């Protein structure tokens, strides 16, 4: 949402950043409830720092070694260790921030070139790789890790079906299907609010047996801000809504992977929905992790737009297998 990219305070490569934490004990202020829809709130915190480059976090994932990694729509990386107490997030340690390099190996010259929105960390050719979706100039870039802030990216080709994307409402969510799912490990992209002729969110499957365009039914004026796959292969989408009168709202929907195919228009049950009476902000990033006990952790991060009225917050929920609502295609 930011309109410009200021000159970075840091150079190329990761540098340490001191982050102070304000705990978020209750998701609903004044209530000790922990169950919200299909999710159990585990905890969260707001992040504060004097580093002017910190903020606008729009994509979130975890590296194979467990490191938390985020990308900002102003062209920065965040890498840290998430400190947890029995799955309750309590802080960050060893936090580092770095400029996200462009195709030429240099920092982006402006906001349009820096507008990173989605992040997924995968293994490609035996190497940890960050796949990042960019919104204003539609692109997917691959950054070889683990030192993402030192890496000049390789731009991945986009098929012709990814066309007509609106500059500031473009590629927002990127998700990688499990290899054993019906999509056979394909990459899925979802636009924020570049709608099809029926007014629904446009989605794209890149590669695999279901390659092509599909749609996700739009409702209640929610925009898509991220997407990810559950361990069982179903897709979940993080959505947000904003108005000056009501503030921010968020919800998460579950979409049956079995229904994703070219030409499909999909919908699915809401796992959680919250308005500004809850501890939320402009929730934009969604990471998914499986636990040894069979539960699934959903970690969310917010984009504060570098605004003094907003916060950079991290929230964590548990989605127990037995609580999953049906998402039949």
Protein backbone atom coordinates (compact mmCIF):
# COMPACT_ATOMS: atom_id res chain seq x y z
CA UNK A 1 0.00 0.00 0.00
CA UNK A 2 2.99 2.31 0.43
CA UNK A 3 3.51 4.70 -2.47
CA UNK A 4 7.28 5.07 -2.48
CA UNK A 5 10.48 3.37 -1.37
CA UNK A 6 12.92 5.45 0.68
CA UNK A 7 16.66 4.97 0.42
CA UNK A 8 17.53 1.96 2.63
CA UNK A 9 19.39 2.40 5.90
CA UNK A 10 21.23 -0.90 5.37
CA UNK A 11 23.51 -2.08 2.59
CA UNK A 12 23.57 -5.33 0.68
CA UNK A 13 23.43 -8.42 2.88
CA UNK A 14 21.77 -9.12 6.22
CA UNK A 15 22.54 -6.90 9.21
CA UNK A 16 21.31 -7.33 12.81
CA UNK A 17 18.19 -5.46 13.88
CA UNK A 18 17.10 -4.91 17.48
CA UNK A 19 13.39 -5.72 17.88
CA UNK A 20 11.38 -5.04 21.02
CA UNK A 21 8.31 -7.16 21.70
CA UNK A 22 4.92 -6.28 23.18
CA UNK A 23 3.04 -9.53 23.97
CA UNK A 24 -0.51 -10.12 22.73
CA UNK A 25 -2.00 -12.47 25.31
CA UNK A 26 -5.66 -12.37 24.24
CA UNK A 27 -6.89 -12.35 20.66
CA UNK A 28 -10.16 -10.76 21.78
CA UNK A 29 -9.31 -7.96 24.23
CA UNK A 30 -11.14 -8.42 27.51
CA UNK A 31 -11.84 -12.11 26.82
CA UNK A 32 -9.88 -15.17 27.91
CA UNK A 33 -11.34 -17.24 25.06
CA UNK A 34 -8.82 -19.10 22.90
CA UNK A 35 -11.07 -20.86 20.36
CA UNK A 36 -12.13 -18.76 17.38
CA UNK A 37 -13.89 -20.62 14.57
CA UNK A 38 -11.79 -23.65 13.69
CA UNK A 39 -8.62 -22.14 15.20
CA UNK A 40 -7.11 -21.99 18.66
CA UNK A 41 -5.21 -18.79 19.44
CA UNK A 42 -1.76 -19.60 20.81
CA UNK A 43 -0.38 -16.09 21.23
CA UNK A 44 1.31 -13.24 19.44
CA UNK A 45 3.20 -10.01 19.80
CA UNK A 46 3.73 -6.57 18.30
CA UNK A 47 7.22 -5.70 17.01
CA UNK A 48 8.97 -2.35 17.55
CA UNK A 49 12.35 -1.08 16.35
CA UNK A 50 14.15 2.17 15.62
CA UNK A 51 15.26 0.81 12.23
CA UNK A 52 13.33 2.81 9.62
CA UNK A 53 13.51 -0.02 7.07
CA UNK A 54 11.57 -2.38 9.34
CA UNK A 55 7.88 -2.84 8.50
CA UNK A 56 5.45 -3.43 5.62
CA UNK A 57 5.84 -7.22 6.01
CA UNK A 58 3.70 -8.86 3.34
CA UNK A 59 4.89 -12.45 2.93
CA UNK A 60 5.91 -15.07 5.52
CA UNK A 61 7.36 -18.56 5.56
CA UNK A 62 9.69 -20.83 7.52
CA UNK A 63 12.98 -22.15 6.13
CA UNK A 64 13.89 -25.85 6.39
CA UNK A 65 16.07 -25.08 9.44
CA UNK A 66 13.07 -23.42 11.14
CA UNK A 67 14.11 -19.82 10.57
CA UNK A 68 11.29 -17.32 10.15
CA UNK A 69 11.62 -15.38 6.89
CA UNK A 70 9.48 -12.46 5.74
CA UNK A 71 9.47 -10.07 2.78
CA UNK A 72 8.29 -6.46 2.76
CA UNK A 73 6.51 -4.68 -0.06
CA UNK A 74 9.20 -2.01 0.24
CA UNK A 75 11.89 -4.50 -0.85
CA UNK A 76 13.39 -5.94 2.35
CA UNK A 77 14.01 -9.32 3.95
CA UNK A 78 13.53 -10.23 7.60
CA UNK A 79 15.14 -13.35 8.99
CA UNK A 80 14.96 -14.45 12.62
CA UNK A 81 14.40 -17.33 15.00
CA UNK A 82 10.87 -17.43 16.37
CA UNK A 83 11.06 -18.11 20.12
CA UNK A 84 8.20 -20.33 21.27
CA UNK A 85 6.98 -21.76 24.57
CA UNK A 86 4.81 -24.81 23.89
CA UNK A 87 3.85 -23.36 20.47
CA UNK A 88 3.14 -19.93 21.98
CA UNK A 89 5.28 -17.32 20.20
CA UNK A 90 7.12 -15.16 22.73
CA UNK A 91 9.64 -13.22 20.65
CA UNK A 92 12.34 -13.14 18.00
CA UNK A 93 16.06 -13.68 18.38
CA UNK A 94 19.02 -13.31 16.00
CA UNK A 95 16.86 -11.00 13.87
CA UNK A 96 18.40 -9.63 10.68
CA UNK A 97 17.16 -7.34 7.93
CA UNK A 98 18.45 -6.93 4.38
CA UNK A 99 17.65 -5.29 1.07
CA UNK A 100 15.98 -7.46 -1.55
CA UNK A 101 18.05 -7.31 -4.74
CA UNK A 102 16.59 -6.84 -8.20
CA UNK A 103 17.36 -8.70 -11.42
CA UNK A 104 20.53 -6.65 -11.87
CA UNK A 105 21.87 -7.54 -8.44
CA UNK A 106 21.19 -4.03 -7.11
CA UNK A 107 18.60 -2.65 -4.66
CA UNK A 108 15.30 -1.79 -6.39
CA UNK A 109 15.16 1.79 -7.71
CA UNK A 110 11.54 2.47 -6.72
CA UNK A 111 8.47 1.09 -4.97
CA UNK A 112 7.04 -0.48 -8.12
CA UNK A 113 10.16 -2.64 -8.51
CA UNK A 114 10.29 -3.49 -4.79
CA UNK A 115 6.66 -4.54 -4.24
CA UNK A 116 7.19 -8.06 -2.90
CA UNK A 117 3.96 -9.62 -1.62
CA UNK A 118 4.17 -13.41 -1.33
CA UNK A 119 6.89 -15.81 -0.17
CA UNK A 120 7.40 -19.54 -0.27
CA UNK A 121 10.65 -21.31 0.58
CA UNK A 122 11.26 -24.52 -1.35
CA UNK A 123 14.13 -26.79 -2.32
CA UNK A 124 15.14 -26.41 -5.98
CA UNK A 125 18.05 -28.34 -7.46
CA UNK A 126 19.05 -29.36 -3.95
CA UNK A 127 19.24 -25.76 -2.73
CA UNK A 128 17.03 -23.75 -0.40
CA UNK A 129 15.23 -21.20 -2.57
CA UNK A 130 12.83 -18.35 -1.84
CA UNK A 131 10.09 -17.84 -4.42
CA UNK A 132 8.72 -14.29 -4.17
CA UNK A 133 5.68 -12.86 -5.95
CA UNK A 134 5.71 -9.19 -6.94
CA UNK A 135 2.55 -7.17 -7.36
CA UNK A 136 2.92 -3.90 -9.28
CA UNK A 137 5.14 -5.42 -11.97
CA UNK A 138 3.81 -8.97 -12.03
CA UNK A 139 6.71 -11.37 -11.55
CA UNK A 140 7.94 -14.41 -9.66
CA UNK A 141 11.61 -14.30 -8.67
CA UNK A 142 13.70 -17.13 -7.23
CA UNK A 143 16.39 -16.22 -4.67
CA UNK A 144 18.98 -18.90 -3.91
CA UNK A 145 19.54 -19.29 -0.17
CA UNK A 146 20.21 -19.48 2.59
CA UNK A 147 21.68 -15.95 2.30
CA UNK A 148 18.71 -14.47 0.43
CA UNK A 149 19.84 -10.87 0.95
CA UNK A 150 23.05 -11.54 -1.01
CA UNK A 151 21.29 -13.29 -3.89
CA UNK A 152 20.52 -11.77 -7.27
CA UNK A 153 17.25 -13.45 -8.33
CA UNK A 154 16.27 -15.41 -11.39
CA UNK A 155 12.93 -14.37 -12.85
CA UNK A 156 10.62 -17.32 -13.51
CA UNK A 157 8.55 -17.27 -16.70
CA UNK A 158 4.85 -16.57 -16.31
CA UNK A 159 2.40 -18.19 -18.75
CA UNK A 160 0.17 -16.07 -20.97
CA UNK A 161 -2.85 -16.85 -18.78
CA UNK A 162 -1.38 -14.46 -16.18
CA UNK A 163 -2.45 -11.34 -18.04
CA UNK A 164 -4.54 -8.26 -17.38
CA UNK A 165 -3.28 -8.05 -13.79
CA UNK A 166 -4.01 -4.67 -12.18
CA UNK A 167 -0.80 -2.98 -11.05
CA UNK A 168 -1.62 -2.37 -7.40
CA UNK A 169 -4.03 -5.30 -6.98
CA UNK A 170 -1.98 -8.00 -8.61
CA UNK A 171 -0.14 -11.18 -7.63
CA UNK A 172 -0.52 -11.39 -3.87
CA UNK A 173 -0.59 -15.03 -2.80
CA UNK A 174 1.87 -17.73 -3.80
CA UNK A 175 1.49 -21.33 -2.62
CA UNK A 176 3.28 -24.57 -3.46
CA UNK A 177 1.07 -27.67 -3.53
CA UNK A 178 2.30 -30.83 -1.78
CA UNK A 179 3.86 -33.30 -4.21
CA UNK A 180 1.31 -35.96 -3.22
CA UNK A 181 -1.70 -33.67 -3.80
CA UNK A 182 -3.86 -33.58 -6.94
CA UNK A 183 -1.81 -30.58 -8.11
CA UNK A 184 1.46 -32.58 -7.89
CA UNK A 185 3.62 -29.84 -6.38
CA UNK A 186 2.49 -27.07 -8.75
CA UNK A 187 2.81 -23.37 -7.95
CA UNK A 188 -0.48 -21.55 -7.35
CA UNK A 189 -0.82 -17.77 -7.66
CA UNK A 190 -3.83 -15.70 -6.58
CA UNK A 191 -4.38 -12.03 -7.38
CA UNK A 192 -5.41 -9.59 -4.68
CA UNK A 193 -8.27 -7.94 -6.54
CA UNK A 194 -7.72 -8.45 -10.26
CA UNK A 195 -11.14 -9.96 -10.84
CA UNK A 196 -12.56 -12.05 -13.66
CA UNK A 197 -15.67 -11.15 -15.68
CA UNK A 198 -17.90 -12.58 -12.94
CA UNK A 199 -16.23 -10.45 -10.26
CA UNK A 200 -14.28 -13.29 -8.64
CA UNK A 201 -10.63 -13.57 -7.65
CA UNK A 202 -8.35 -14.83 -10.41
CA UNK A 203 -6.09 -17.77 -9.64
CA UNK A 204 -3.48 -19.60 -11.68
CA UNK A 205 -1.88 -23.03 -11.49
CA UNK A 206 1.60 -23.04 -13.01
CA UNK A 207 2.64 -26.47 -14.21
CA UNK A 208 1.43 -29.93 -13.29
CA UNK A 209 -1.67 -31.79 -14.49
CA UNK A 210 -4.07 -28.95 -13.59
CA UNK A 211 -2.19 -26.03 -15.14
CA UNK A 212 -4.49 -23.17 -16.10
CA UNK A 213 -6.68 -20.41 -14.69
CA UNK A 214 -9.39 -20.79 -12.05
CA UNK A 215 -11.37 -18.47 -9.78
CA UNK A 216 -12.17 -18.11 -6.09
CA UNK A 217 -15.56 -16.67 -5.30
CA UNK A 218 -15.31 -13.14 -3.91
CA UNK A 219 -17.61 -12.15 -1.05
CA UNK A 220 -18.13 -9.43 1.54
CA UNK A 221 -15.58 -7.19 -0.18
CA UNK A 222 -12.57 -9.18 1.07
CA UNK A 223 -9.31 -9.05 -0.90
CA UNK A 224 -6.82 -11.94 -1.02
CA UNK A 225 -3.58 -11.21 0.86
CA UNK A 226 -1.89 -14.64 0.93
CA UNK A 227 -2.37 -18.33 0.22
CA UNK A 228 -0.82 -21.57 1.41
CA UNK A 229 -1.47 -25.29 1.44
CA UNK A 230 -2.40 -27.43 4.42
CA UNK A 231 -0.52 -30.70 4.92
CA UNK A 232 -3.60 -32.58 3.67
CA UNK A 233 -3.31 -30.77 0.32
CA UNK A 234 -6.19 -28.31 0.64
CA UNK A 235 -5.59 -24.62 -0.07
CA UNK A 236 -6.21 -21.90 2.50
CA UNK A 237 -6.43 -18.23 1.64
CA UNK A 238 -5.88 -15.28 3.95
CA UNK A 239 -8.15 -12.34 3.17
CA UNK A 240 -8.37 -8.80 4.49
CA UNK A 241 -10.75 -5.89 4.20
CA UNK A 242 -10.35 -2.23 5.05
CA UNK A 243 -12.64 0.77 5.33
CA UNK A 244 -12.06 4.09 7.03
CA UNK A 245 -15.26 3.64 9.03
CA UNK A 246 -14.73 0.04 10.20
CA UNK A 247 -10.97 -0.40 10.03
CA UNK A 248 -9.39 -3.77 9.19
CA UNK A 249 -10.97 -7.20 9.08
CA UNK A 250 -9.46 -10.59 8.22
CA UNK A 251 -10.63 -14.09 7.49
CA UNK A 252 -9.19 -17.43 6.37
CA UNK A 253 -11.03 -19.76 4.00
CA UNK A 254 -10.30 -23.39 3.14
CA UNK A 255 -10.53 -24.44 -0.53
CA UNK A 256 -10.62 -28.12 -1.51
CA UNK A 257 -7.60 -28.90 -3.66
CA UNK A 258 -9.57 -31.61 -5.45
CA UNK A 259 -11.73 -28.91 -7.00
CA UNK A 260 -8.89 -26.82 -8.43
CA UNK A 261 -8.79 -27.23 -12.19
CA UNK A 262 -8.89 -24.93 -15.22
CA UNK A 263 -12.17 -23.04 -15.41
CA UNK A 264 -13.33 -23.87 -11.88
CA UNK A 265 -14.91 -21.28 -9.56
CA UNK A 266 -14.33 -22.33 -5.97
CA UNK A 267 -15.54 -21.44 -2.51
CA UNK A 268 -14.99 -22.95 0.89
CA UNK A 269 -15.73 -22.70 4.62
CA UNK A 270 -14.41 -19.86 6.76
CA UNK A 271 -11.94 -21.07 9.38
CA UNK A 272 -11.78 -17.76 11.21
CA UNK A 273 -13.05 -14.21 10.76
CA UNK A 274 -12.17 -11.17 12.86
CA UNK A 275 -12.74 -7.42 12.72
CA UNK A 276 -10.97 -4.56 14.43
CA UNK A 277 -12.45 -5.51 17.81
CA UNK A 278 -9.82 -8.28 17.78
CA UNK A 279 -6.03 -8.01 17.95
CA UNK A 280 -5.45 -7.71 14.22
CA UNK A 281 -4.00 -5.21 11.80
CA UNK A 282 -3.43 -5.37 8.04
CA UNK A 283 -2.81 -9.13 8.01
CA UNK A 284 -0.89 -10.04 4.85
CA UNK A 285 1.47 -12.99 5.41
CA UNK A 286 0.53 -16.60 6.20
CA UNK A 287 2.88 -19.50 7.01
CA UNK A 288 1.84 -23.12 7.66
CA UNK A 289 3.74 -25.70 9.72
CA UNK A 290 2.82 -29.25 10.72
CA UNK A 291 3.49 -30.51 14.24
CA UNK A 292 4.61 -33.96 15.30
CA UNK A 293 1.25 -34.43 17.05
CA UNK A 294 -0.66 -33.97 13.78
CA UNK A 295 -1.80 -30.40 14.35
CA UNK A 296 -1.14 -27.50 12.01
CA UNK A 297 0.22 -24.11 13.06
CA UNK A 298 -0.82 -21.00 11.17
CA UNK A 299 1.44 -17.97 11.66
CA UNK A 300 0.32 -14.55 10.42
CA UNK A 301 2.20 -11.28 10.03
CA UNK A 302 0.88 -7.78 9.32
CA UNK A 303 1.88 -4.98 6.96
CA UNK A 304 1.95 -1.74 8.93
CA UNK A 305 2.51 0.41 5.82
CA UNK A 306 5.11 2.27 7.91
CA UNK A 307 2.17 4.12 9.43
CA UNK A 308 2.13 5.37 13.02
CA UNK A 309 -1.47 4.22 13.49
CA UNK A 310 -0.69 0.63 12.47
CA UNK A 311 1.39 -2.18 13.97
CA UNK A 312 3.72 -4.92 12.81
CA UNK A 313 2.23 -7.92 14.61
CA UNK A 314 2.69 -11.67 14.55
CA UNK A 315 -0.12 -14.03 15.53
CA UNK A 316 -0.10 -17.82 15.85
CA UNK A 317 -3.02 -20.25 15.79
CA UNK A 318 -3.44 -24.02 15.90
CA UNK A 319 -5.74 -25.85 13.53
CA UNK A 320 -6.41 -29.28 14.95
CA UNK A 321 -7.10 -31.99 12.37
CA UNK A 322 -10.36 -32.96 14.03
CA UNK A 323 -11.64 -29.37 13.83
CA UNK A 324 -11.39 -29.02 10.06
CA UNK A 325 -14.75 -28.20 8.46
CA UNK A 326 -15.62 -29.96 5.25
CA UNK A 327 -14.22 -28.38 2.09
CA UNK A 328 -15.75 -30.60 -0.56
CA UNK A 329 -15.12 -29.39 -4.14
